[in-house]
Amino acid sequence: MGVHAKREFNCPVDATISLIGGKYKAVILWHLKGETLRYSEIHRRVPRATDKMLAQQLRELESDGLIRRKVYPVVPPKTEYSLTPLGETLYPVLDAMCAWGANIMEQDA
C-alpha cells in the first residue's frame, strides 16, 4: 500500500481529502477512470496544470498507491498511467463528484 497507511486522520473525510484533495488529483483520477493514458494525454485533458504541478500530482497519486506508472524503455521515453485496484475503488466517489458538479454547473447556467 501507499504512504497513506502511515498518516493519522481526524475522520474518514480527512482521509479521503488527504489522498484526492490536491489541486488536480480528482480530475486526473477522473480521466484515468477505465483508461490508461500517457503523460501528454493527461496534460491535454488538464490544460491548466503546469508541467511541474502535473508531475507533482502524479507522483503523489503514485506514492499513495492510487495510480501506477509504467515506463517503457524506448527513445523517447514512453510513460503510461492507470488506476491501481485501490484507485479503482474511487469510482463511486468520482461518479458522485461528477454528478454533483454537473448539477452545480446546470444551476449556474
PDB file of N, CA and C in Angstrom:
ATOM      1  N   MET A   1       0.827  -1.184   0.000  1.00  0.00           N
ATOM      2  CA  MET A   1       0.000   0.000   0.000  1.00  0.00           C
ATOM      3  C   MET A   1       0.865   1.239   0.000  1.00  0.00           C
ATOM      4  N   GLY A   2       0.200   2.379  -0.158  1.00  0.00           N
ATOM      5  CA  GLY A   2       0.941   3.622  -0.266  1.00  0.00           C
ATOM      6  C   GLY A   2       1.285   4.236   1.074  1.00  0.00           C
ATOM      7  N   VAL A   3       1.780   5.435   1.004  1.00  0.00           N
ATOM      8  CA  VAL A   3       2.219   6.184   2.176  1.00  0.00           C
ATOM      9  C   VAL A   3       1.053   6.485   3.108  1.00  0.00           C
ATOM     10  N   HIS A   4      -0.173   6.555   2.572  1.00  0.00           N
ATOM     11  CA  HIS A   4      -1.324   6.952   3.378  1.00  0.00           C
ATOM     12  C   HIS A   4      -1.524   6.079   4.613  1.00  0.00           C
ATOM     13  N   ALA A   5      -1.044   4.854   4.607  1.00  0.00           N
ATOM     14  CA  ALA A   5      -1.215   3.961   5.750  1.00  0.00           C
ATOM     15  C   ALA A   5      -0.493   4.485   6.991  1.00  0.00           C
ATOM     16  N   LYS A   6       0.494   5.346   6.832  1.00  0.00           N
ATOM     17  CA  LYS A   6       1.279   5.843   7.952  1.00  0.00           C
ATOM     18  C   LYS A   6       0.722   7.148   8.532  1.00  0.00           C
ATOM     19  N   ARG A   7      -0.236   7.739   7.853  1.00  0.00           N
ATOM     20  CA  ARG A   7      -0.780   9.020   8.306  1.00  0.00           C
ATOM     21  C   ARG A   7      -1.860   8.813   9.353  1.00  0.00           C
ATOM     22  N   GLU A   8      -2.068   9.866  10.135  1.00  0.00           N
ATOM     23  CA  GLU A   8      -3.165   9.849  11.097  1.00  0.00           C
ATOM     24  C   GLU A   8      -4.234  10.810  10.596  1.00  0.00           C
ATOM     25  N   PHE A   9      -5.481  10.357  10.633  1.00  0.00           N
ATOM     26  CA  PHE A   9      -6.587  11.157  10.133  1.00  0.00           C
ATOM     27  C   PHE A   9      -7.562  11.464  11.263  1.00  0.00           C
ATOM     28  N   ASN A  10      -8.192  12.625  11.182  1.00  0.00           N
ATOM     29  CA  ASN A  10      -9.180  13.020  12.181  1.00  0.00           C
ATOM     30  C   ASN A  10     -10.530  12.356  11.944  1.00  0.00           C
ATOM     31  N   CYS A  11     -10.839  12.068  10.668  1.00  0.00           N
ATOM     32  CA  CYS A  11     -12.106  11.433  10.322  1.00  0.00           C
ATOM     33  C   CYS A  11     -11.981  10.850   8.920  1.00  0.00           C
ATOM     34  N   PRO A  12     -12.938  10.043   8.487  1.00  0.00           N
ATOM     35  CA  PRO A  12     -12.867   9.446   7.156  1.00  0.00           C
ATOM     36  C   PRO A  12     -12.804  10.471   6.024  1.00  0.00           C
ATOM     37  N   VAL A  13     -13.494  11.592   6.169  1.00  0.00           N
ATOM     38  CA  VAL A  13     -13.449  12.627   5.135  1.00  0.00           C
ATOM     39  C   VAL A  13     -12.034  13.202   5.039  1.00  0.00           C
ATOM     40  N   ASP A  14     -11.378  13.375   6.174  1.00  0.00           N
ATOM     41  CA  ASP A  14      -9.990  13.843   6.201  1.00  0.00           C
ATOM     42  C   ASP A  14      -9.091  12.880   5.427  1.00  0.00           C
ATOM     43  N   ALA A  15      -9.299  11.577   5.621  1.00  0.00           N
ATOM     44  CA  ALA A  15      -8.502  10.569   4.917  1.00  0.00           C
ATOM     45  C   ALA A  15      -8.715  10.679   3.406  1.00  0.00           C
ATOM     46  N   THR A  16      -9.961  10.819   2.983  1.00  0.00           N
ATOM     47  CA  THR A  16     -10.277  10.926   1.557  1.00  0.00           C
ATOM     48  C   THR A  16      -9.671  12.181   0.953  1.00  0.00           C
ATOM     49  N   ILE A  17      -9.894  13.324   1.601  1.00  0.00           N
ATOM     50  CA  ILE A  17      -9.394  14.592   1.068  1.00  0.00           C
ATOM     51  C   ILE A  17      -7.875  14.610   1.035  1.00  0.00           C
ATOM     52  N   SER A  18      -7.231  13.984   2.003  1.00  0.00           N
ATOM     53  CA  SER A  18      -5.768  13.995   2.013  1.00  0.00           C
ATOM     54  C   SER A  18      -5.202  13.241   0.808  1.00  0.00           C
ATOM     55  N   LEU A  19      -5.939  12.280   0.289  1.00  0.00           N
ATOM     56  CA  LEU A  19      -5.456  11.489  -0.839  1.00  0.00           C
ATOM     57  C   LEU A  19      -5.883  12.046  -2.194  1.00  0.00           C
ATOM     58  N   ILE A  20      -7.070  12.631  -2.280  1.00  0.00           N
ATOM     59  CA  ILE A  20      -7.555  13.090  -3.589  1.00  0.00           C
ATOM     60  C   ILE A  20      -7.782  14.592  -3.640  1.00  0.00           C
ATOM     61  N   GLY A  21      -7.391  15.307  -2.576  1.00  0.00           N
ATOM     62  CA  GLY A  21      -7.700  16.720  -2.479  1.00  0.00           C
ATOM     63  C   GLY A  21      -6.676  17.664  -3.077  1.00  0.00           C
ATOM     64  N   GLY A  22      -5.675  17.181  -3.779  1.00  0.00           N
ATOM     65  CA  GLY A  22      -4.713  18.072  -4.425  1.00  0.00           C
ATOM     66  C   GLY A  22      -5.376  18.876  -5.521  1.00  0.00           C
ATOM     67  N   LYS A  23      -4.706  19.885  -5.987  1.00  0.00           N
ATOM     68  CA  LYS A  23      -5.296  20.812  -6.952  1.00  0.00           C
ATOM     69  C   LYS A  23      -5.904  20.106  -8.166  1.00  0.00           C
ATOM     70  N   TYR A  24      -5.241  19.082  -8.688  1.00  0.00           N
ATOM     71  CA  TYR A  24      -5.741  18.395  -9.880  1.00  0.00           C
ATOM     72  C   TYR A  24      -5.934  16.893  -9.686  1.00  0.00           C
ATOM     73  N   LYS A  25      -5.764  16.405  -8.475  1.00  0.00           N
ATOM     74  CA  LYS A  25      -5.795  14.959  -8.255  1.00  0.00           C
ATOM     75  C   LYS A  25      -7.120  14.324  -8.650  1.00  0.00           C
ATOM     76  N   ALA A  26      -8.223  14.871  -8.212  1.00  0.00           N
ATOM     77  CA  ALA A  26      -9.523  14.272  -8.539  1.00  0.00           C
ATOM     78  C   ALA A  26      -9.772  14.307 -10.043  1.00  0.00           C
ATOM     79  N   VAL A  27      -9.349  15.369 -10.701  1.00  0.00           N
ATOM     80  CA  VAL A  27      -9.526  15.484 -12.147  1.00  0.00           C
ATOM     81  C   VAL A  27      -8.666  14.445 -12.868  1.00  0.00           C
ATOM     82  N   ILE A  28      -7.436  14.274 -12.421  1.00  0.00           N
ATOM     83  CA  ILE A  28      -6.554  13.254 -13.007  1.00  0.00           C
ATOM     84  C   ILE A  28      -7.177  11.875 -12.819  1.00  0.00           C
ATOM     85  N   LEU A  29      -7.634  11.583 -11.609  1.00  0.00           N
ATOM     86  CA  LEU A  29      -8.252  10.291 -11.333  1.00  0.00           C
ATOM     87  C   LEU A  29      -9.475  10.075 -12.211  1.00  0.00           C
ATOM     88  N   TRP A  30     -10.272  11.132 -12.410  1.00  0.00           N
ATOM     89  CA  TRP A  30     -11.464  11.035 -13.257  1.00  0.00           C
ATOM     90  C   TRP A  30     -11.076  10.644 -14.681  1.00  0.00           C
ATOM     91  N   HIS A  31     -10.050  11.275 -15.214  1.00  0.00           N
ATOM     92  CA  HIS A  31      -9.631  10.993 -16.584  1.00  0.00           C
ATOM     93  C   HIS A  31      -9.001   9.606 -16.720  1.00  0.00           C
ATOM     94  N   LEU A  32      -8.459   9.077 -15.649  1.00  0.00           N
ATOM     95  CA  LEU A  32      -7.873   7.738 -15.684  1.00  0.00           C
ATOM     96  C   LEU A  32      -8.910   6.644 -15.426  1.00  0.00           C
ATOM     97  N   LYS A  33     -10.128   7.049 -15.112  1.00  0.00           N
ATOM     98  CA  LYS A  33     -11.178   6.084 -14.813  1.00  0.00           C
ATOM     99  C   LYS A  33     -11.427   5.200 -16.042  1.00  0.00           C
ATOM    100  N   GLY A  34     -11.010   3.943 -15.942  1.00  0.00           N
ATOM    101  CA  GLY A  34     -11.211   2.998 -17.029  1.00  0.00           C
ATOM    102  C   GLY A  34     -10.264   3.173 -18.207  1.00  0.00           C
ATOM    103  N   GLU A  35      -9.234   4.008 -18.055  1.00  0.00           N
ATOM    104  CA  GLU A  35      -8.305   4.262 -19.152  1.00  0.00           C
ATOM    105  C   GLU A  35      -6.860   4.222 -18.684  1.00  0.00           C
ATOM    106  N   THR A  36      -5.980   3.966 -19.620  1.00  0.00           N
ATOM    107  CA  THR A  36      -4.545   4.119 -19.416  1.00  0.00           C
ATOM    108  C   THR A  36      -4.123   5.260 -20.327  1.00  0.00           C
ATOM    109  N   LEU A  37      -3.485   6.267 -19.762  1.00  0.00           N
ATOM    110  CA  LEU A  37      -3.116   7.457 -20.529  1.00  0.00           C
ATOM    111  C   LEU A  37      -1.642   7.769 -20.393  1.00  0.00           C
ATOM    112  N   ARG A  38      -1.084   8.321 -21.452  1.00  0.00           N
ATOM    113  CA  ARG A  38       0.280   8.821 -21.411  1.00  0.00           C
ATOM    114  C   ARG A  38       0.257  10.214 -20.777  1.00  0.00           C
ATOM    115  N   TYR A  39       1.429  10.646 -20.324  1.00  0.00           N
ATOM    116  CA  TYR A  39       1.538  11.955 -19.674  1.00  0.00           C
ATOM    117  C   TYR A  39       0.941  13.056 -20.557  1.00  0.00           C
ATOM    118  N   SER A  40       1.296  13.059 -21.838  1.00  0.00           N
ATOM    119  CA  SER A  40       0.818  14.123 -22.735  1.00  0.00           C
ATOM    120  C   SER A  40      -0.704  14.108 -22.869  1.00  0.00           C
ATOM    121  N   GLU A  41      -1.309  12.923 -22.823  1.00  0.00           N
ATOM    122  CA  GLU A  41      -2.772  12.830 -22.902  1.00  0.00           C
ATOM    123  C   GLU A  41      -3.412  13.391 -21.638  1.00  0.00           C
ATOM    124  N   ILE A  42      -2.812  13.111 -20.501  1.00  0.00           N
ATOM    125  CA  ILE A  42      -3.329  13.677 -19.245  1.00  0.00           C
ATOM    126  C   ILE A  42      -3.196  15.188 -19.285  1.00  0.00           C
ATOM    127  N   HIS A  43      -2.056  15.667 -19.743  1.00  0.00           N
ATOM    128  CA  HIS A  43      -1.827  17.117 -19.784  1.00  0.00           C
ATOM    129  C   HIS A  43      -2.823  17.812 -20.704  1.00  0.00           C
ATOM    130  N   ARG A  44      -3.170  17.189 -21.817  1.00  0.00           N
ATOM    131  CA  ARG A  44      -4.178  17.770 -22.719  1.00  0.00           C
ATOM    132  C   ARG A  44      -5.539  17.857 -22.039  1.00  0.00           C
ATOM    133  N   ARG A  45      -5.838  16.887 -21.191  1.00  0.00           N
ATOM    134  CA  ARG A  45      -7.136  16.857 -20.508  1.00  0.00           C
ATOM    135  C   ARG A  45      -7.163  17.746 -19.268  1.00  0.00           C
ATOM    136  N   VAL A  46      -5.989  18.127 -18.789  1.00  0.00           N
ATOM    137  CA  VAL A  46      -5.874  19.018 -17.624  1.00  0.00           C
ATOM    138  C   VAL A  46      -4.974  20.184 -18.045  1.00  0.00           C
ATOM    139  N   PRO A  47      -5.445  21.001 -18.994  1.00  0.00           N
ATOM    140  CA  PRO A  47      -4.572  22.013 -19.598  1.00  0.00           C
ATOM    141  C   PRO A  47      -4.127  23.126 -18.662  1.00  0.00           C
ATOM    142  N   ARG A  48      -4.856  23.379 -17.591  1.00  0.00           N
ATOM    143  CA  ARG A  48      -4.457  24.462 -16.674  1.00  0.00           C
ATOM    144  C   ARG A  48      -3.267  24.095 -15.806  1.00  0.00           C
ATOM    145  N   ALA A  49      -3.001  22.805 -15.688  1.00  0.00           N
ATOM    146  CA  ALA A  49      -1.897  22.348 -14.846  1.00  0.00           C
ATOM    147  C   ALA A  49      -0.560  22.625 -15.532  1.00  0.00           C
ATOM    148  N   THR A  50       0.353  23.207 -14.803  1.00  0.00           N
ATOM    149  CA  THR A  50       1.706  23.368 -15.329  1.00  0.00           C
ATOM    150  C   THR A  50       2.368  21.995 -15.331  1.00  0.00           C
ATOM    151  N   ASP A  51       3.444  21.848 -16.098  1.00  0.00           N
ATOM    152  CA  ASP A  51       4.172  20.579 -16.106  1.00  0.00           C
ATOM    153  C   ASP A  51       4.629  20.207 -14.704  1.00  0.00           C
ATOM    154  N   LYS A  52       5.136  21.189 -13.977  1.00  0.00           N
ATOM    155  CA  LYS A  52       5.634  20.937 -12.618  1.00  0.00           C
ATOM    156  C   LYS A  52       4.506  20.450 -11.699  1.00  0.00           C
ATOM    157  N   MET A  53       3.357  21.115 -11.754  1.00  0.00           N
ATOM    158  CA  MET A  53       2.231  20.750 -10.887  1.00  0.00           C
ATOM    159  C   MET A  53       1.675  19.385 -11.270  1.00  0.00           C
ATOM    160  N   LEU A  54       1.539  19.136 -12.576  1.00  0.00           N
ATOM    161  CA  LEU A  54       1.008  17.848 -13.017  1.00  0.00           C
ATOM    162  C   LEU A  54       1.932  16.715 -12.599  1.00  0.00           C
ATOM    163  N   ALA A  55       3.223  16.889 -12.803  1.00  0.00           N
ATOM    164  CA  ALA A  55       4.192  15.861 -12.410  1.00  0.00           C
ATOM    165  C   ALA A  55       4.131  15.610 -10.901  1.00  0.00           C
ATOM    166  N   GLN A  56       3.999  16.671 -10.116  1.00  0.00           N
ATOM    167  CA  GLN A  56       3.923  16.535  -8.650  1.00  0.00           C
ATOM    168  C   GLN A  56       2.670  15.769  -8.250  1.00  0.00           C
ATOM    169  N   GLN A  57       1.529  16.126  -8.844  1.00  0.00           N
ATOM    170  CA  GLN A  57       0.276  15.461  -8.501  1.00  0.00           C
ATOM    171  C   GLN A  57       0.329  13.978  -8.886  1.00  0.00           C
ATOM    172  N   LEU A  58       0.905  13.672 -10.052  1.00  0.00           N
ATOM    173  CA  LEU A  58       1.039  12.279 -10.472  1.00  0.00           C
ATOM    174  C   LEU A  58       1.948  11.508  -9.526  1.00  0.00           C
ATOM    175  N   ARG A  59       3.056  12.118  -9.110  1.00  0.00           N
ATOM    176  CA  ARG A  59       3.968  11.457  -8.157  1.00  0.00           C
ATOM    177  C   ARG A  59       3.263  11.147  -6.843  1.00  0.00           C
ATOM    178  N   GLU A  60       2.493  12.118  -6.344  1.00  0.00           N
ATOM    179  CA  GLU A  60       1.791  11.917  -5.076  1.00  0.00           C
ATOM    180  C   GLU A  60       0.728  10.826  -5.196  1.00  0.00           C
ATOM    181  N   LEU A  61      -0.010  10.820  -6.297  1.00  0.00           N
ATOM    182  CA  LEU A  61      -1.018   9.784  -6.503  1.00  0.00           C
ATOM    183  C   LEU A  61      -0.371   8.403  -6.599  1.00  0.00           C
ATOM    184  N   GLU A  62       0.785   8.349  -7.238  1.00  0.00           N
ATOM    185  CA  GLU A  62       1.512   7.079  -7.332  1.00  0.00           C
ATOM    186  C   GLU A  62       2.029   6.661  -5.955  1.00  0.00           C
ATOM    187  N   SER A  63       2.602   7.593  -5.226  1.00  0.00           N
ATOM    188  CA  SER A  63       3.133   7.319  -3.888  1.00  0.00           C
ATOM    189  C   SER A  63       2.037   6.824  -2.945  1.00  0.00           C
ATOM    190  N   ASP A  64       0.834   7.352  -3.109  1.00  0.00           N
ATOM    191  CA  ASP A  64      -0.286   6.955  -2.259  1.00  0.00           C
ATOM    192  C   ASP A  64      -0.977   5.684  -2.745  1.00  0.00           C
ATOM    193  N   GLY A  65      -0.468   5.101  -3.825  1.00  0.00           N
ATOM    194  CA  GLY A  65      -0.994   3.825  -4.295  1.00  0.00           C
ATOM    195  C   GLY A  65      -2.271   3.908  -5.094  1.00  0.00           C
ATOM    196  N   LEU A  66      -2.635   5.111  -5.579  1.00  0.00           N
ATOM    197  CA  LEU A  66      -3.877   5.260  -6.331  1.00  0.00           C
ATOM    198  C   LEU A  66      -3.687   5.082  -7.834  1.00  0.00           C
ATOM    199  N   ILE A  67      -2.481   5.390  -8.329  1.00  0.00           N
ATOM    200  CA  ILE A  67      -2.198   5.186  -9.744  1.00  0.00           C
ATOM    201  C   ILE A  67      -0.887   4.420  -9.877  1.00  0.00           C
ATOM    202  N   ARG A  68      -0.726   3.799 -11.029  1.00  0.00           N
ATOM    203  CA  ARG A  68       0.549   3.142 -11.335  1.00  0.00           C
ATOM    204  C   ARG A  68       1.142   3.835 -12.550  1.00  0.00           C
ATOM    205  N   ARG A  69       2.452   3.889 -12.553  1.00  0.00           N
ATOM    206  CA  ARG A  69       3.203   4.487 -13.652  1.00  0.00           C
ATOM    207  C   ARG A  69       4.035   3.386 -14.275  1.00  0.00           C
ATOM    208  N   LYS A  70       3.886   3.221 -15.581  1.00  0.00           N
ATOM    209  CA  LYS A  70       4.666   2.215 -16.292  1.00  0.00           C
ATOM    210  C   LYS A  70       5.535   2.937 -17.311  1.00  0.00           C
ATOM    211  N   VAL A  71       6.849   2.744 -17.195  1.00  0.00           N
ATOM    212  CA  VAL A  71       7.804   3.375 -18.092  1.00  0.00           C
ATOM    213  C   VAL A  71       8.328   2.323 -19.054  1.00  0.00           C
ATOM    214  N   TYR A  72       8.242   2.627 -20.336  1.00  0.00           N
ATOM    215  CA  TYR A  72       8.752   1.728 -21.363  1.00  0.00           C
ATOM    216  C   TYR A  72      10.155   2.176 -21.759  1.00  0.00           C
ATOM    217  N   PRO A  73      11.097   1.244 -21.856  1.00  0.00           N
ATOM    218  CA  PRO A  73      12.487   1.603 -22.183  1.00  0.00           C
ATOM    219  C   PRO A  73      12.677   1.842 -23.685  1.00  0.00           C
ATOM    220  N   VAL A  74      12.084   2.925 -24.165  1.00  0.00           N
ATOM    221  CA  VAL A  74      12.212   3.302 -25.574  1.00  0.00           C
ATOM    222  C   VAL A  74      12.686   4.744 -25.645  1.00  0.00           C
ATOM    223  N   VAL A  75      13.098   5.164 -26.819  1.00  0.00           N
ATOM    224  CA  VAL A  75      13.512   6.551 -27.027  1.00  0.00           C
ATOM    225  C   VAL A  75      12.597   7.149 -28.084  1.00  0.00           C
ATOM    226  N   PRO A  76      11.903   8.248 -27.783  1.00  0.00           N
ATOM    227  CA  PRO A  76      11.842   8.923 -26.484  1.00  0.00           C
ATOM    228  C   PRO A  76      11.079   8.074 -25.462  1.00  0.00           C
ATOM    229  N   PRO A  77      11.305   8.344 -24.172  1.00  0.00           N
ATOM    230  CA  PRO A  77      10.651   7.539 -23.137  1.00  0.00           C
ATOM    231  C   PRO A  77       9.126   7.594 -23.259  1.00  0.00           C
ATOM    232  N   LYS A  78       8.509   6.475 -23.020  1.00  0.00           N
ATOM    233  CA  LYS A  78       7.046   6.376 -23.039  1.00  0.00           C
ATOM    234  C   LYS A  78       6.604   5.998 -21.637  1.00  0.00           C
ATOM    235  N   THR A  79       5.742   6.813 -21.063  1.00  0.00           N
ATOM    236  CA  THR A  79       5.232   6.569 -19.715  1.00  0.00           C
ATOM    237  C   THR A  79       3.717   6.540 -19.757  1.00  0.00           C
ATOM    238  N   GLU A  80       3.141   5.509 -19.169  1.00  0.00           N
ATOM    239  CA  GLU A  80       1.689   5.389 -19.108  1.00  0.00           C
ATOM    240  C   GLU A  80       1.234   5.358 -17.650  1.00  0.00           C
ATOM    241  N   TYR A  81       0.051   5.921 -17.417  1.00  0.00           N
ATOM    242  CA  TYR A  81      -0.542   5.973 -16.089  1.00  0.00           C
ATOM    243  C   TYR A  81      -1.901   5.298 -16.122  1.00  0.00           C
ATOM    244  N   SER A  82      -2.210   4.579 -15.060  1.00  0.00           N
ATOM    245  CA  SER A  82      -3.514   3.943 -14.918  1.00  0.00           C
ATOM    246  C   SER A  82      -3.837   3.835 -13.429  1.00  0.00           C
ATOM    247  N   LEU A  83      -5.098   3.571 -13.145  1.00  0.00           N
ATOM    248  CA  LEU A  83      -5.510   3.409 -11.757  1.00  0.00           C
ATOM    249  C   LEU A  83      -5.083   2.038 -11.245  1.00  0.00           C
ATOM    250  N   THR A  84      -4.705   1.983  -9.994  1.00  0.00           N
ATOM    251  CA  THR A  84      -4.444   0.721  -9.318  1.00  0.00           C
ATOM    252  C   THR A  84      -5.792   0.162  -8.855  1.00  0.00           C
ATOM    253  N   PRO A  85      -5.815  -1.066  -8.373  1.00  0.00           N
ATOM    254  CA  PRO A  85      -7.069  -1.569  -7.795  1.00  0.00           C
ATOM    255  C   PRO A  85      -7.605  -0.653  -6.684  1.00  0.00           C
ATOM    256  N   LEU A  86      -6.717  -0.099  -5.859  1.00  0.00           N
ATOM    257  CA  LEU A  86      -7.161   0.849  -4.832  1.00  0.00           C
ATOM    258  C   LEU A  86      -7.762   2.091  -5.488  1.00  0.00           C
ATOM    259  N   GLY A  87      -7.111   2.610  -6.518  1.00  0.00           N
ATOM    260  CA  GLY A  87      -7.640   3.775  -7.235  1.00  0.00           C
ATOM    261  C   GLY A  87      -8.998   3.496  -7.851  1.00  0.00           C
ATOM    262  N   GLU A  88      -9.189   2.268  -8.340  1.00  0.00           N
ATOM    263  CA  GLU A  88     -10.479   1.908  -8.941  1.00  0.00           C
ATOM    264  C   GLU A  88     -11.604   1.910  -7.919  1.00  0.00           C
ATOM    265  N   THR A  89     -11.288   1.734  -6.640  1.00  0.00           N
ATOM    266  CA  THR A  89     -12.332   1.782  -5.615  1.00  0.00           C
ATOM    267  C   THR A  89     -12.895   3.190  -5.459  1.00  0.00           C
ATOM    268  N   LEU A  90     -12.255   4.176  -6.086  1.00  0.00           N
ATOM    269  CA  LEU A  90     -12.749   5.558  -6.045  1.00  0.00           C
ATOM    270  C   LEU A  90     -13.844   5.825  -7.070  1.00  0.00           C
ATOM    271  N   TYR A  91     -14.156   4.868  -7.945  1.00  0.00           N
ATOM    272  CA  TYR A  91     -15.176   5.097  -8.973  1.00  0.00           C
ATOM    273  C   TYR A  91     -16.460   5.704  -8.409  1.00  0.00           C
ATOM    274  N   PRO A  92     -17.046   5.142  -7.326  1.00  0.00           N
ATOM    275  CA  PRO A  92     -18.286   5.728  -6.804  1.00  0.00           C
ATOM    276  C   PRO A  92     -18.092   7.172  -6.317  1.00  0.00           C
ATOM    277  N   VAL A  93     -16.950   7.455  -5.731  1.00  0.00           N
ATOM    278  CA  VAL A  93     -16.659   8.815  -5.254  1.00  0.00           C
ATOM    279  C   VAL A  93     -16.546   9.762  -6.434  1.00  0.00           C
ATOM    280  N   LEU A  94     -15.811   9.359  -7.467  1.00  0.00           N
ATOM    281  CA  LEU A  94     -15.638  10.191  -8.649  1.00  0.00           C
ATOM    282  C   LEU A  94     -16.960  10.394  -9.373  1.00  0.00           C
ATOM    283  N   ASP A  95     -17.776   9.335  -9.483  1.00  0.00           N
ATOM    284  CA  ASP A  95     -19.091   9.464 -10.116  1.00  0.00           C
ATOM    285  C   ASP A  95     -19.976  10.442  -9.349  1.00  0.00           C
ATOM    286  N   ALA A  96     -19.947  10.355  -8.016  1.00  0.00           N
ATOM    287  CA  ALA A  96     -20.747  11.264  -7.192  1.00  0.00           C
ATOM    288  C   ALA A  96     -20.261  12.704  -7.353  1.00  0.00           C
ATOM    289  N   MET A  97     -18.944  12.905  -7.398  1.00  0.00           N
ATOM    290  CA  MET A  97     -18.399  14.250  -7.593  1.00  0.00           C
ATOM    291  C   MET A  97     -18.813  14.802  -8.958  1.00  0.00           C
ATOM    292  N   CYS A  98     -18.795  13.958  -9.976  1.00  0.00           N
ATOM    293  CA  CYS A  98     -19.187  14.379 -11.319  1.00  0.00           C
ATOM    294  C   CYS A  98     -20.658  14.786 -11.336  1.00  0.00           C
ATOM    295  N   ALA A  99     -21.513  13.963 -10.770  1.00  0.00           N
ATOM    296  CA  ALA A  99     -22.948  14.262 -10.745  1.00  0.00           C
ATOM    297  C   ALA A  99     -23.228  15.546  -9.970  1.00  0.00           C
ATOM    298  N   TRP A 100     -22.573  15.711  -8.834  1.00  0.00           N
ATOM    299  CA  TRP A 100     -22.767  16.908  -8.026  1.00  0.00           C
ATOM    300  C   TRP A 100     -22.299  18.140  -8.796  1.00  0.00           C
ATOM    301  N   GLY A 101     -21.127  18.052  -9.416  1.00  0.00           N
ATOM    302  CA  GLY A 101     -20.595  19.163 -10.194  1.00  0.00           C
ATOM    303  C   GLY A 101     -21.456  19.510 -11.388  1.00  0.00           C
ATOM    304  N   ALA A 102     -21.999  18.494 -12.072  1.00  0.00           N
ATOM    305  CA  ALA A 102     -22.887  18.739 -13.211  1.00  0.00           C
ATOM    306  C   ALA A 102     -24.130  19.487 -12.753  1.00  0.00           C
ATOM    307  N   ASN A 103     -24.647  19.119 -11.598  1.00  0.00           N
ATOM    308  CA  ASN A 103     -25.812  19.800 -11.041  1.00  0.00           C
ATOM    309  C   ASN A 103     -25.505  21.272 -10.750  1.00  0.00           C
ATOM    310  N   ILE A 104     -24.359  21.525 -10.161  1.00  0.00           N
ATOM    311  CA  ILE A 104     -23.949  22.898  -9.871  1.00  0.00           C
ATOM    312  C   ILE A 104     -23.796  23.690 -11.166  1.00  0.00           C
ATOM    313  N   MET A 105     -23.180  23.079 -12.176  1.00  0.00           N
ATOM    314  CA  MET A 105     -22.977  23.756 -13.454  1.00  0.00           C
ATOM    315  C   MET A 105     -24.313  24.102 -14.118  1.00  0.00           C
ATOM    316  N   GLU A 106     -25.311  23.206 -13.988  1.00  0.00           N
ATOM    317  CA  GLU A 106     -26.643  23.469 -14.545  1.00  0.00           C
ATOM    318  C   GLU A 106     -27.299  24.628 -13.828  1.00  0.00           C
ATOM    319  N   GLN A 107     -27.138  24.695 -12.517  1.00  0.00           N
ATOM    320  CA  GLN A 107     -27.735  25.788 -11.736  1.00  0.00           C
ATOM    321  C   GLN A 107     -27.129  27.129 -12.097  1.00  0.00           C
ATOM    322  N   ASP A 108     -25.834  27.110 -12.416  1.00  0.00           N
ATOM    323  CA  ASP A 108     -25.126  28.359 -12.747  1.00  0.00           C
ATOM    324  C   ASP A 108     -25.362  28.810 -14.189  1.00  0.00           C
ATOM    325  N   ALA A 109     -25.934  27.922 -15.021  1.00  0.00           N
ATOM    326  CA  ALA A 109     -26.137  28.256 -16.443  1.00  0.00           C
ATOM    327  C   ALA A 109     -27.267  29.226 -16.645  1.00  0.00           C
TER     328      ALA A 109
END
